Amino acid sequence: MSVETLAALLARRLDEAGRAGDASVSVAELHRTLLPYHICRGSVGYATKAEYDIEMLELLTSERYLLSAETELRSAVRDEAASPEPGLGFLKNFAAAQLEIQSDLSTVFDAPASALAGEAPESSAFEPATLSDLPVAGPAGTPDEDLPAHAACWKCNRELPPRPDLRFCVFCGADQDRPCCQACGEEMTAEWAFCPRCGKGVAAASTASA
């Protein structure tokens, strides 16, 4: 894997969303909607969430494809990338921060299909789904953030109506403020009792953060 492969996937995702000409993207859109783990895992072929986290941090620190004008965000990304167990939980503190899309992003758009499949050999049974078939990640913002129009519910994956005040899925009733582990920031499903990344119980993690 390489940061170029992740950048190529971002370029394709923006193009499929009709946003190839956009000048910027927010941190929340990048992490939760355009390049969430479940989409990158299927398209790029990450073996673990840790591998995805590291390359996402590389994308944010390279400044070749995305550039942040916020010094605090740049510093936080560098510090996290240098930590013993880097993760992306801290990005929720910069959800509204804007990342300027650099011209080099367009140069990786035509990356060969094998690059987006983790360069799997032809004999491999792994066959990534086309990007247009993959579900869009549900929003996972704070109560102060508006849900993006045309987002999909994280639980039932049905497209939500374009209402900025929508907080619950109109089809299954799922709370769209998707929960995260209080200990490490890992994205979780509401029914889970333990974090898949650090193993902390939901109740224990909440107590530790209090």
N, C-alpha and C. Protein backbone atom coordinates (compact mmCIF):
# COMPACT_ATOMS: atom_id res chain seq x y z
N MET A 1 0.84 -1.19 0.00
CA MET A 1 0.00 0.00 0.00
C MET A 1 0.88 1.25 0.00
N SER A 2 0.30 2.35 -0.43
CA SER A 2 1.03 3.60 -0.40
C SER A 2 0.04 4.74 -0.30
N VAL A 3 0.55 5.90 0.11
CA VAL A 3 -0.32 7.06 0.24
C VAL A 3 -0.87 7.48 -1.13
N GLU A 4 -0.12 7.18 -2.20
CA GLU A 4 -0.59 7.51 -3.55
C GLU A 4 -1.85 6.72 -3.89
N THR A 5 -1.91 5.47 -3.44
CA THR A 5 -3.09 4.65 -3.69
C THR A 5 -4.31 5.22 -2.97
N LEU A 6 -4.11 5.67 -1.74
CA LEU A 6 -5.21 6.27 -0.99
C LEU A 6 -5.64 7.59 -1.63
N ALA A 7 -4.67 8.36 -2.12
CA ALA A 7 -4.99 9.62 -2.80
C ALA A 7 -5.77 9.36 -4.09
N ALA A 8 -5.41 8.28 -4.80
CA ALA A 8 -6.12 7.92 -6.02
C ALA A 8 -7.57 7.57 -5.72
N LEU A 9 -7.78 6.85 -4.62
CA LEU A 9 -9.13 6.50 -4.21
C LEU A 9 -9.92 7.75 -3.86
N LEU A 10 -9.30 8.70 -3.17
CA LEU A 10 -9.97 9.95 -2.83
C LEU A 10 -10.38 10.70 -4.10
N ALA A 11 -9.49 10.76 -5.08
CA ALA A 11 -9.80 11.45 -6.34
C ALA A 11 -11.00 10.81 -7.03
N ARG A 12 -11.06 9.49 -7.01
CA ARG A 12 -12.16 8.78 -7.65
C ARG A 12 -13.47 8.99 -6.89
N ARG A 13 -13.38 8.98 -5.56
CA ARG A 13 -14.58 9.21 -4.75
C ARG A 13 -15.15 10.60 -4.98
N LEU A 14 -14.28 11.59 -5.07
CA LEU A 14 -14.73 12.96 -5.33
C LEU A 14 -15.37 13.06 -6.71
N ASP A 15 -14.77 12.39 -7.69
CA ASP A 15 -15.30 12.43 -9.05
C ASP A 15 -16.68 11.78 -9.11
N GLU A 16 -16.84 10.63 -8.45
CA GLU A 16 -18.12 9.93 -8.47
C GLU A 16 -19.21 10.72 -7.74
N ALA A 17 -18.79 11.56 -6.78
CA ALA A 17 -19.75 12.39 -6.06
C ALA A 17 -20.02 13.70 -6.78
N GLY A 18 -19.43 13.87 -7.97
CA GLY A 18 -19.61 15.11 -8.73
C GLY A 18 -18.88 16.29 -8.11
N ARG A 19 -17.79 16.00 -7.39
CA ARG A 19 -17.08 17.05 -6.68
C ARG A 19 -15.62 17.14 -7.10
N ALA A 20 -15.33 16.70 -8.32
CA ALA A 20 -13.94 16.70 -8.78
C ALA A 20 -13.36 18.11 -8.84
N GLY A 21 -14.21 19.12 -8.99
CA GLY A 21 -13.72 20.49 -9.09
C GLY A 21 -13.67 21.22 -7.77
N ASP A 22 -13.99 20.53 -6.67
CA ASP A 22 -13.98 21.19 -5.35
C ASP A 22 -12.57 21.63 -4.99
N ALA A 23 -12.50 22.75 -4.27
CA ALA A 23 -11.20 23.28 -3.84
C ALA A 23 -10.81 22.79 -2.45
N SER A 24 -11.79 22.31 -1.69
CA SER A 24 -11.49 21.88 -0.33
C SER A 24 -12.47 20.81 0.11
N VAL A 25 -12.11 20.15 1.21
CA VAL A 25 -12.96 19.12 1.81
C VAL A 25 -12.75 19.21 3.31
N SER A 26 -13.80 18.98 4.09
CA SER A 26 -13.64 19.04 5.54
C SER A 26 -13.06 17.73 6.06
N VAL A 27 -12.48 17.79 7.24
CA VAL A 27 -11.91 16.59 7.86
C VAL A 27 -13.00 15.54 8.07
N ALA A 28 -14.19 15.97 8.50
CA ALA A 28 -15.29 15.03 8.73
C ALA A 28 -15.69 14.34 7.43
N GLU A 29 -15.77 15.09 6.33
CA GLU A 29 -16.13 14.49 5.04
C GLU A 29 -15.07 13.50 4.59
N LEU A 30 -13.81 13.86 4.76
CA LEU A 30 -12.71 12.99 4.33
C LEU A 30 -12.74 11.67 5.09
N HIS A 31 -12.83 11.76 6.41
CA HIS A 31 -12.69 10.59 7.26
C HIS A 31 -13.96 9.74 7.33
N ARG A 32 -15.13 10.39 7.33
CA ARG A 32 -16.38 9.67 7.58
C ARG A 32 -17.16 9.32 6.30
N THR A 33 -17.02 10.14 5.26
CA THR A 33 -17.85 9.95 4.07
C THR A 33 -17.06 9.51 2.84
N LEU A 34 -15.93 10.18 2.57
CA LEU A 34 -15.18 9.87 1.35
C LEU A 34 -14.23 8.69 1.53
N LEU A 35 -13.52 8.65 2.65
CA LEU A 35 -12.53 7.58 2.86
C LEU A 35 -12.70 6.89 4.21
N PRO A 36 -13.90 6.41 4.54
CA PRO A 36 -14.05 5.66 5.79
C PRO A 36 -13.37 4.30 5.65
N TYR A 37 -13.09 3.70 6.80
CA TYR A 37 -12.33 2.44 6.79
C TYR A 37 -12.99 1.34 5.97
N HIS A 38 -14.33 1.17 6.10
CA HIS A 38 -14.96 0.02 5.43
C HIS A 38 -14.89 0.14 3.92
N ILE A 39 -14.82 1.36 3.40
CA ILE A 39 -14.69 1.54 1.95
C ILE A 39 -13.24 1.32 1.53
N CYS A 40 -12.30 1.89 2.29
CA CYS A 40 -10.89 1.73 1.95
C CYS A 40 -10.45 0.28 2.08
N ARG A 41 -11.01 -0.43 3.07
CA ARG A 41 -10.67 -1.84 3.24
C ARG A 41 -11.04 -2.65 2.02
N GLY A 42 -12.24 -2.39 1.45
CA GLY A 42 -12.69 -3.14 0.29
C GLY A 42 -12.01 -2.73 -1.00
N SER A 43 -11.68 -1.42 -1.13
CA SER A 43 -11.11 -0.93 -2.38
C SER A 43 -9.60 -0.98 -2.43
N VAL A 44 -8.95 -0.72 -1.30
CA VAL A 44 -7.49 -0.71 -1.27
C VAL A 44 -6.94 -2.03 -0.76
N GLY A 45 -7.70 -2.70 0.12
CA GLY A 45 -7.27 -4.01 0.61
C GLY A 45 -6.49 -3.97 1.90
N TYR A 46 -6.78 -2.99 2.78
CA TYR A 46 -6.10 -2.95 4.07
C TYR A 46 -6.41 -4.20 4.87
N ALA A 47 -5.39 -4.77 5.49
CA ALA A 47 -5.58 -5.97 6.29
C ALA A 47 -6.08 -5.63 7.69
N THR A 48 -5.71 -4.45 8.19
CA THR A 48 -6.10 -4.06 9.54
C THR A 48 -6.50 -2.59 9.58
N LYS A 49 -7.23 -2.23 10.63
CA LYS A 49 -7.61 -0.83 10.84
C LYS A 49 -6.37 0.01 11.12
N ALA A 50 -5.37 -0.57 11.81
CA ALA A 50 -4.14 0.17 12.12
C ALA A 50 -3.41 0.59 10.85
N GLU A 51 -3.41 -0.29 9.85
CA GLU A 51 -2.76 0.03 8.57
C GLU A 51 -3.46 1.20 7.89
N TYR A 52 -4.79 1.18 7.93
CA TYR A 52 -5.58 2.28 7.37
C TYR A 52 -5.29 3.58 8.12
N ASP A 53 -5.25 3.54 9.44
CA ASP A 53 -5.00 4.74 10.25
C ASP A 53 -3.66 5.37 9.88
N ILE A 54 -2.63 4.54 9.75
CA ILE A 54 -1.29 5.04 9.45
C ILE A 54 -1.26 5.72 8.09
N GLU A 55 -1.89 5.12 7.08
CA GLU A 55 -1.85 5.72 5.75
C GLU A 55 -2.73 6.97 5.66
N MET A 56 -3.82 7.01 6.43
CA MET A 56 -4.62 8.21 6.46
C MET A 56 -3.81 9.36 7.06
N LEU A 57 -3.04 9.07 8.10
CA LEU A 57 -2.19 10.10 8.70
C LEU A 57 -1.10 10.54 7.72
N GLU A 58 -0.57 9.60 6.94
CA GLU A 58 0.41 9.95 5.91
C GLU A 58 -0.19 10.89 4.87
N LEU A 59 -1.44 10.61 4.50
CA LEU A 59 -2.13 11.47 3.53
C LEU A 59 -2.29 12.89 4.08
N LEU A 60 -2.58 12.98 5.38
CA LEU A 60 -2.79 14.28 6.00
C LEU A 60 -1.49 15.03 6.27
N THR A 61 -0.37 14.31 6.39
CA THR A 61 0.91 14.97 6.66
C THR A 61 1.72 15.25 5.41
N SER A 62 1.39 14.60 4.29
CA SER A 62 2.22 14.74 3.09
C SER A 62 2.16 16.15 2.50
N GLU A 63 0.99 16.81 2.60
CA GLU A 63 0.75 18.15 2.04
C GLU A 63 0.91 18.19 0.51
N ARG A 64 1.08 17.02 -0.09
CA ARG A 64 1.14 16.96 -1.56
C ARG A 64 -0.26 16.94 -2.15
N TYR A 65 -1.18 16.28 -1.45
CA TYR A 65 -2.53 16.14 -1.96
C TYR A 65 -3.55 16.98 -1.19
N LEU A 66 -3.34 17.12 0.11
CA LEU A 66 -4.24 17.89 0.96
C LEU A 66 -3.41 18.78 1.86
N LEU A 67 -3.86 20.02 2.03
CA LEU A 67 -3.11 20.97 2.84
C LEU A 67 -4.05 21.69 3.78
N SER A 68 -3.71 21.70 5.06
CA SER A 68 -4.52 22.38 6.06
C SER A 68 -3.90 23.72 6.41
N ALA A 69 -4.74 24.76 6.49
CA ALA A 69 -4.26 26.08 6.88
C ALA A 69 -4.21 26.22 8.39
N GLU A 70 -4.76 25.23 9.11
CA GLU A 70 -4.81 25.30 10.57
C GLU A 70 -3.56 24.67 11.18
N THR A 71 -2.76 25.51 11.81
CA THR A 71 -1.52 25.05 12.44
C THR A 71 -1.78 23.99 13.50
N GLU A 72 -2.85 24.16 14.26
CA GLU A 72 -3.17 23.22 15.33
C GLU A 72 -3.46 21.83 14.78
N LEU A 73 -4.18 21.76 13.65
CA LEU A 73 -4.48 20.47 13.04
C LEU A 73 -3.20 19.82 12.52
N ARG A 74 -2.37 20.57 11.83
CA ARG A 74 -1.12 20.02 11.30
C ARG A 74 -0.25 19.46 12.42
N SER A 75 -0.18 20.20 13.52
CA SER A 75 0.63 19.76 14.65
C SER A 75 0.05 18.50 15.28
N ALA A 76 -1.27 18.44 15.41
CA ALA A 76 -1.93 17.28 16.00
C ALA A 76 -1.72 16.03 15.14
N VAL A 77 -1.78 16.19 13.82
CA VAL A 77 -1.58 15.06 12.91
C VAL A 77 -0.15 14.54 13.00
N ARG A 78 0.82 15.46 13.04
CA ARG A 78 2.22 15.04 13.15
C ARG A 78 2.49 14.32 14.47
N ASP A 79 1.93 14.86 15.56
CA ASP A 79 2.13 14.23 16.87
C ASP A 79 1.52 12.83 16.91
N GLU A 80 0.33 12.69 16.33
CA GLU A 80 -0.33 11.39 16.33
C GLU A 80 0.43 10.39 15.48
N ALA A 81 0.94 10.84 14.32
CA ALA A 81 1.70 9.96 13.43
C ALA A 81 2.97 9.45 14.10
N ALA A 82 3.52 10.25 15.01
CA ALA A 82 4.76 9.87 15.68
C ALA A 82 4.52 9.09 16.96
N SER A 83 3.27 8.90 17.35
CA SER A 83 2.96 8.20 18.59
C SER A 83 3.14 6.69 18.42
N PRO A 84 3.31 5.97 19.52
CA PRO A 84 3.54 4.51 19.44
C PRO A 84 2.38 3.74 18.79
N GLU A 85 1.15 4.16 19.05
CA GLU A 85 -0.02 3.50 18.48
C GLU A 85 -0.93 4.57 17.86
N PRO A 86 -0.58 5.04 16.67
CA PRO A 86 -1.36 6.12 16.05
C PRO A 86 -2.79 5.68 15.69
N GLY A 87 -3.71 6.61 15.84
CA GLY A 87 -5.11 6.36 15.50
C GLY A 87 -5.74 7.64 14.99
N LEU A 88 -7.02 7.57 14.68
CA LEU A 88 -7.71 8.73 14.09
C LEU A 88 -8.78 9.32 14.99
N GLY A 89 -8.87 8.84 16.24
CA GLY A 89 -9.89 9.33 17.13
C GLY A 89 -9.83 10.84 17.36
N PHE A 90 -8.61 11.40 17.32
CA PHE A 90 -8.44 12.83 17.58
C PHE A 90 -9.06 13.71 16.49
N LEU A 91 -9.33 13.15 15.31
CA LEU A 91 -9.86 13.95 14.20
C LEU A 91 -11.24 14.52 14.50
N LYS A 92 -11.96 13.90 15.46
CA LYS A 92 -13.28 14.43 15.80
C LYS A 92 -13.18 15.84 16.36
N ASN A 93 -11.99 16.22 16.88
CA ASN A 93 -11.79 17.57 17.40
C ASN A 93 -11.58 18.59 16.29
N PHE A 94 -11.40 18.11 15.06
CA PHE A 94 -11.15 18.99 13.92
C PHE A 94 -12.14 18.72 12.80
N ALA A 95 -13.35 18.26 13.14
CA ALA A 95 -14.33 17.83 12.13
C ALA A 95 -14.62 18.90 11.09
N ALA A 96 -14.70 20.16 11.50
CA ALA A 96 -15.07 21.23 10.57
C ALA A 96 -13.87 21.85 9.86
N ALA A 97 -12.66 21.45 10.22
CA ALA A 97 -11.46 22.02 9.59
C ALA A 97 -11.43 21.70 8.10
N GLN A 98 -11.02 22.66 7.30
CA GLN A 98 -10.98 22.49 5.85
C GLN A 98 -9.59 22.09 5.38
N LEU A 99 -9.55 21.16 4.43
CA LEU A 99 -8.31 20.72 3.80
C LEU A 99 -8.34 21.15 2.35
N GLU A 100 -7.36 21.91 1.94
CA GLU A 100 -7.30 22.38 0.55
C GLU A 100 -6.82 21.26 -0.35
N ILE A 101 -7.56 21.01 -1.42
CA ILE A 101 -7.20 19.96 -2.37
C ILE A 101 -6.13 20.49 -3.31
N GLN A 102 -5.00 19.82 -3.35
CA GLN A 102 -3.88 20.25 -4.17
C GLN A 102 -3.97 19.67 -5.58
N SER A 103 -3.30 20.33 -6.51
CA SER A 103 -3.37 19.91 -7.92
C SER A 103 -2.82 18.51 -8.13
N ASP A 104 -1.89 18.05 -7.28
CA ASP A 104 -1.32 16.72 -7.46
C ASP A 104 -2.35 15.61 -7.29
N LEU A 105 -3.47 15.93 -6.66
CA LEU A 105 -4.49 14.89 -6.46
C LEU A 105 -5.03 14.40 -7.80
N SER A 106 -5.13 15.30 -8.77
CA SER A 106 -5.66 14.91 -10.07
C SER A 106 -4.68 14.01 -10.84
N THR A 107 -3.40 14.08 -10.50
CA THR A 107 -2.41 13.29 -11.24
C THR A 107 -2.46 11.81 -10.88
N VAL A 108 -3.10 11.48 -9.74
CA VAL A 108 -3.17 10.08 -9.34
C VAL A 108 -4.52 9.46 -9.68
N PHE A 109 -5.40 10.22 -10.31
CA PHE A 109 -6.74 9.73 -10.61
C PHE A 109 -6.72 8.51 -11.51
N ASP A 110 -5.79 8.48 -12.46
CA ASP A 110 -5.74 7.38 -13.42
C ASP A 110 -4.82 6.25 -12.97
N ALA A 111 -4.68 6.09 -11.67
CA ALA A 111 -3.87 4.97 -11.16
C ALA A 111 -4.46 3.66 -11.66
N PRO A 112 -3.63 2.68 -11.99
CA PRO A 112 -4.15 1.40 -12.49
C PRO A 112 -5.07 0.73 -11.47
N ALA A 113 -6.02 -0.02 -11.98
CA ALA A 113 -6.99 -0.68 -11.10
C ALA A 113 -6.31 -1.59 -10.09
N SER A 114 -5.17 -2.18 -10.48
CA SER A 114 -4.47 -3.08 -9.56
C SER A 114 -4.01 -2.35 -8.31
N ALA A 115 -3.74 -1.04 -8.45
CA ALA A 115 -3.29 -0.27 -7.29
C ALA A 115 -4.40 -0.14 -6.27
N LEU A 116 -5.64 -0.02 -6.74
CA LEU A 116 -6.76 0.11 -5.82
C LEU A 116 -7.19 -1.25 -5.28
N ALA A 117 -6.56 -2.29 -5.71
CA ALA A 117 -6.87 -3.62 -5.18
C ALA A 117 -5.72 -4.12 -4.34
N GLY A 118 -4.87 -3.19 -3.89
CA GLY A 118 -3.73 -3.59 -3.08
C GLY A 118 -2.71 -4.38 -3.88
N GLU A 119 -2.70 -4.19 -5.23
CA GLU A 119 -1.79 -4.88 -6.13
C GLU A 119 -1.87 -6.39 -5.94
N ALA A 120 -3.09 -6.87 -5.80
CA ALA A 120 -3.28 -8.31 -5.64
C ALA A 120 -2.95 -9.02 -6.94
N PRO A 121 -2.35 -10.19 -6.90
CA PRO A 121 -2.03 -10.93 -8.12
C PRO A 121 -3.29 -11.38 -8.81
N GLU A 122 -3.17 -11.66 -10.12
CA GLU A 122 -4.33 -12.02 -10.92
C GLU A 122 -5.00 -13.29 -10.40
N SER A 123 -4.23 -14.17 -9.79
CA SER A 123 -4.80 -15.42 -9.30
C SER A 123 -5.54 -15.26 -7.98
N SER A 124 -5.43 -14.07 -7.38
CA SER A 124 -6.07 -13.86 -6.08
C SER A 124 -7.57 -13.87 -6.21
N ALA A 125 -8.24 -14.36 -5.16
CA ALA A 125 -9.70 -14.39 -5.16
C ALA A 125 -10.27 -13.04 -4.77
N PHE A 126 -9.40 -12.12 -4.29
CA PHE A 126 -9.88 -10.80 -3.87
C PHE A 126 -10.28 -9.98 -5.08
N GLU A 127 -11.47 -9.50 -5.07
CA GLU A 127 -11.96 -8.70 -6.18
C GLU A 127 -12.72 -7.51 -5.59
N PRO A 128 -12.10 -6.30 -5.55
CA PRO A 128 -12.74 -5.17 -4.90
C PRO A 128 -14.01 -4.76 -5.61
N ALA A 129 -14.98 -4.33 -4.85
CA ALA A 129 -16.21 -3.83 -5.46
C ALA A 129 -15.93 -2.51 -6.13
N THR A 130 -16.70 -2.21 -7.17
CA THR A 130 -16.55 -0.91 -7.82
C THR A 130 -17.01 0.15 -6.84
N LEU A 131 -16.42 1.33 -6.95
CA LEU A 131 -16.71 2.39 -5.98
C LEU A 131 -18.16 2.79 -5.99
N SER A 132 -18.78 2.72 -7.17
CA SER A 132 -20.19 3.14 -7.25
C SER A 132 -21.10 2.17 -6.51
N ASP A 133 -20.63 0.93 -6.28
CA ASP A 133 -21.44 -0.07 -5.59
C ASP A 133 -21.25 -0.03 -4.08
N LEU A 134 -20.19 0.64 -3.62
CA LEU A 134 -19.90 0.64 -2.20
C LEU A 134 -20.78 1.61 -1.45
N PRO A 135 -21.18 1.28 -0.22
CA PRO A 135 -22.02 2.18 0.55
C PRO A 135 -21.26 3.39 1.02
N VAL A 136 -21.95 4.51 1.14
CA VAL A 136 -21.35 5.72 1.67
C VAL A 136 -21.44 5.65 3.18
N ALA A 137 -20.35 6.01 3.86
CA ALA A 137 -20.35 5.92 5.32
C ALA A 137 -21.35 6.88 5.92
N GLY A 138 -21.97 6.44 6.96
CA GLY A 138 -22.90 7.31 7.67
C GLY A 138 -22.16 8.38 8.42
N PRO A 139 -22.78 9.55 8.65
CA PRO A 139 -22.12 10.62 9.37
C PRO A 139 -21.93 10.25 10.83
N ALA A 140 -20.84 10.76 11.40
CA ALA A 140 -20.56 10.46 12.80
C ALA A 140 -20.12 11.72 13.51
N GLY A 141 -20.84 12.79 13.34
CA GLY A 141 -20.43 14.06 13.89
C GLY A 141 -20.93 14.28 15.28
N THR A 142 -20.68 15.44 15.78
CA THR A 142 -21.15 15.82 17.09
C THR A 142 -22.54 16.42 16.94
N PRO A 143 -23.30 16.61 18.05
CA PRO A 143 -24.64 17.17 17.94
C PRO A 143 -24.68 18.55 17.31
N ASP A 144 -23.54 19.26 17.29
CA ASP A 144 -23.51 20.60 16.71
C ASP A 144 -23.29 20.58 15.20
N GLU A 145 -22.99 19.41 14.63
CA GLU A 145 -22.72 19.33 13.20
C GLU A 145 -23.99 18.95 12.45
N ASP A 146 -24.19 19.58 11.28
CA ASP A 146 -25.30 19.20 10.41
C ASP A 146 -24.91 17.95 9.64
N LEU A 147 -25.88 17.09 9.38
CA LEU A 147 -25.61 15.91 8.58
C LEU A 147 -25.49 16.32 7.11
N PRO A 148 -24.52 15.77 6.35
CA PRO A 148 -24.40 16.11 4.95
C PRO A 148 -25.59 15.57 4.16
N ALA A 149 -26.02 16.35 3.17
CA ALA A 149 -27.13 15.90 2.33
C ALA A 149 -26.74 14.64 1.56
N HIS A 150 -27.71 13.77 1.35
CA HIS A 150 -27.52 12.54 0.57
C HIS A 150 -26.57 11.55 1.26
N ALA A 151 -26.40 11.67 2.56
CA ALA A 151 -25.62 10.67 3.29
C ALA A 151 -26.50 9.44 3.47
N ALA A 152 -25.85 8.33 3.80
CA ALA A 152 -26.59 7.10 4.03
C ALA A 152 -26.57 6.76 5.50
N CYS A 153 -27.61 6.12 5.97
CA CYS A 153 -27.68 5.69 7.37
C CYS A 153 -26.59 4.66 7.61
N TRP A 154 -25.84 4.81 8.71
CA TRP A 154 -24.75 3.88 8.99
C TRP A 154 -25.25 2.49 9.32
N LYS A 155 -26.53 2.37 9.74
CA LYS A 155 -27.04 1.07 10.17
C LYS A 155 -27.76 0.33 9.04
N CYS A 156 -28.72 1.00 8.37
CA CYS A 156 -29.49 0.30 7.32
C CYS A 156 -29.01 0.66 5.91
N ASN A 157 -28.13 1.67 5.82
CA ASN A 157 -27.50 2.07 4.56
C ASN A 157 -28.47 2.68 3.55
N ARG A 158 -29.69 3.04 3.97
CA ARG A 158 -30.62 3.70 3.05
C ARG A 158 -30.32 5.19 3.02
N GLU A 159 -30.50 5.79 1.85
CA GLU A 159 -30.16 7.21 1.68
C GLU A 159 -31.09 8.09 2.51
N LEU A 160 -30.49 8.99 3.25
CA LEU A 160 -31.28 9.87 4.11
C LEU A 160 -31.73 11.11 3.34
N PRO A 161 -32.89 11.66 3.68
CA PRO A 161 -33.35 12.87 3.01
C PRO A 161 -32.42 14.04 3.32
N PRO A 162 -32.25 14.97 2.39
CA PRO A 162 -31.31 16.09 2.57
C PRO A 162 -31.84 17.15 3.54
N ARG A 163 -31.90 16.81 4.81
CA ARG A 163 -32.35 17.74 5.85
C ARG A 163 -31.21 18.01 6.81
N PRO A 164 -30.77 19.28 6.97
CA PRO A 164 -29.63 19.58 7.83
C PRO A 164 -29.89 19.31 9.30
N ASP A 165 -31.19 19.24 9.71
CA ASP A 165 -31.50 19.02 11.11
C ASP A 165 -31.79 17.55 11.42
N LEU A 166 -31.58 16.67 10.46
CA LEU A 166 -31.90 15.25 10.63
C LEU A 166 -30.87 14.59 11.54
N ARG A 167 -31.32 13.98 12.64
CA ARG A 167 -30.41 13.33 13.57
C ARG A 167 -30.66 11.83 13.67
N PHE A 168 -31.86 11.38 13.22
CA PHE A 168 -32.21 9.96 13.29
C PHE A 168 -32.65 9.47 11.91
N CYS A 169 -32.35 8.22 11.61
CA CYS A 169 -32.75 7.64 10.33
C CYS A 169 -34.27 7.55 10.26
N VAL A 170 -34.84 8.01 9.15
CA VAL A 170 -36.29 8.00 9.00
C VAL A 170 -36.81 6.60 8.64
N PHE A 171 -35.90 5.65 8.38
CA PHE A 171 -36.31 4.30 8.00
C PHE A 171 -36.16 3.30 9.16
N CYS A 172 -35.03 3.36 9.88
CA CYS A 172 -34.82 2.40 10.96
C CYS A 172 -34.70 3.05 12.33
N GLY A 173 -34.65 4.38 12.39
CA GLY A 173 -34.62 5.09 13.65
C GLY A 173 -33.25 5.17 14.31
N ALA A 174 -32.17 4.72 13.62
CA ALA A 174 -30.84 4.72 14.23
C ALA A 174 -30.34 6.14 14.45
N ASP A 175 -29.75 6.38 15.62
CA ASP A 175 -29.14 7.66 15.93
C ASP A 175 -27.94 7.86 15.01
N GLN A 176 -27.92 8.97 14.26
CA GLN A 176 -26.84 9.18 13.30
C GLN A 176 -25.58 9.75 13.93
N ASP A 177 -25.61 10.05 15.22
CA ASP A 177 -24.39 10.42 15.93
C ASP A 177 -23.71 9.12 16.33
N ARG A 178 -23.02 8.53 15.39
CA ARG A 178 -22.45 7.19 15.54
C ARG A 178 -21.47 7.15 16.72
N PRO A 179 -21.58 6.17 17.62
CA PRO A 179 -20.74 6.15 18.82
C PRO A 179 -19.28 5.82 18.52
N CYS A 180 -18.41 6.33 19.38
CA CYS A 180 -16.99 6.03 19.30
C CYS A 180 -16.52 5.57 20.67
N CYS A 181 -15.48 4.74 20.70
CA CYS A 181 -14.91 4.29 21.96
C CYS A 181 -14.34 5.49 22.70
N GLN A 182 -14.69 5.64 23.97
CA GLN A 182 -14.22 6.77 24.75
C GLN A 182 -12.74 6.63 25.11
N ALA A 183 -12.20 5.42 25.00
CA ALA A 183 -10.80 5.20 25.38
C ALA A 183 -9.83 5.48 24.24
N CYS A 184 -10.17 4.99 23.01
CA CYS A 184 -9.22 5.14 21.90
C CYS A 184 -9.79 5.86 20.69
N GLY A 185 -11.09 6.15 20.68
CA GLY A 185 -11.69 6.87 19.57
C GLY A 185 -12.15 6.01 18.42
N GLU A 186 -12.03 4.69 18.54
CA GLU A 186 -12.44 3.77 17.47
C GLU A 186 -13.94 3.88 17.21
N GLU A 187 -14.34 3.92 15.94
CA GLU A 187 -15.75 3.98 15.58
C GLU A 187 -16.42 2.65 15.95
N MET A 188 -17.60 2.72 16.57
CA MET A 188 -18.28 1.52 17.04
C MET A 188 -19.72 1.48 16.56
N THR A 189 -20.34 0.34 16.75
CA THR A 189 -21.76 0.16 16.49
C THR A 189 -22.48 0.19 17.84
N ALA A 190 -23.67 0.77 17.85
CA ALA A 190 -24.37 1.01 19.10
C ALA A 190 -24.56 -0.25 19.94
N GLU A 191 -24.73 -1.42 19.31
CA GLU A 191 -24.99 -2.64 20.05
C GLU A 191 -23.73 -3.26 20.67
N TRP A 192 -22.54 -2.81 20.26
CA TRP A 192 -21.30 -3.42 20.75
C TRP A 192 -21.07 -3.09 22.21
N ALA A 193 -20.61 -4.09 22.97
CA ALA A 193 -20.30 -3.88 24.38
C ALA A 193 -18.81 -3.64 24.60
N PHE A 194 -17.97 -4.06 23.63
CA PHE A 194 -16.53 -3.90 23.77
C PHE A 194 -15.94 -3.32 22.49
N CYS A 195 -14.90 -2.53 22.64
CA CYS A 195 -14.21 -1.91 21.50
C CYS A 195 -13.40 -2.96 20.75
N PRO A 196 -13.51 -3.02 19.39
CA PRO A 196 -12.76 -4.02 18.63
C PRO A 196 -11.27 -3.69 18.52
N ARG A 197 -10.90 -2.46 18.88
CA ARG A 197 -9.50 -2.08 18.73
C ARG A 197 -8.71 -2.20 20.04
N CYS A 198 -9.26 -1.65 21.14
CA CYS A 198 -8.52 -1.67 22.40
C CYS A 198 -9.09 -2.65 23.42
N GLY A 199 -10.28 -3.20 23.12
CA GLY A 199 -10.87 -4.20 24.00
C GLY A 199 -11.56 -3.66 25.23
N LYS A 200 -11.60 -2.33 25.38
CA LYS A 200 -12.25 -1.75 26.56
C LYS A 200 -13.78 -1.90 26.44
N GLY A 201 -14.41 -2.21 27.57
CA GLY A 201 -15.86 -2.26 27.59
C GLY A 201 -16.43 -0.85 27.51
N VAL A 202 -17.60 -0.71 26.92
CA VAL A 202 -18.20 0.61 26.75
C VAL A 202 -18.35 1.31 28.09
N ALA A 203 -18.86 0.59 29.08
CA ALA A 203 -19.06 1.20 30.41
C ALA A 203 -17.73 1.58 31.03
N ALA A 204 -16.73 0.69 30.90
CA ALA A 204 -15.41 0.95 31.48
C ALA A 204 -14.75 2.14 30.84
N ALA A 205 -14.89 2.24 29.50
CA ALA A 205 -14.28 3.34 28.77
C ALA A 205 -14.90 4.66 29.17
N SER A 206 -16.23 4.66 29.37
CA SER A 206 -16.94 5.88 29.75
C SER A 206 -16.49 6.32 31.15
N THR A 207 -16.30 5.35 32.05
CA THR A 207 -15.87 5.66 33.41
C THR A 207 -14.46 6.22 33.41
N ALA A 208 -13.60 5.64 32.56
CA ALA A 208 -12.20 6.09 32.50
C ALA A 208 -12.08 7.51 31.99
N SER A 209 -13.02 7.90 31.10
CA SER A 209 -12.95 9.23 30.49
C SER A 209 -13.62 10.28 31.35
N ALA A 210 -14.35 9.85 32.38
CA ALA A 210 -15.08 10.79 33.23
C ALA A 210 -14.13 11.57 34.12
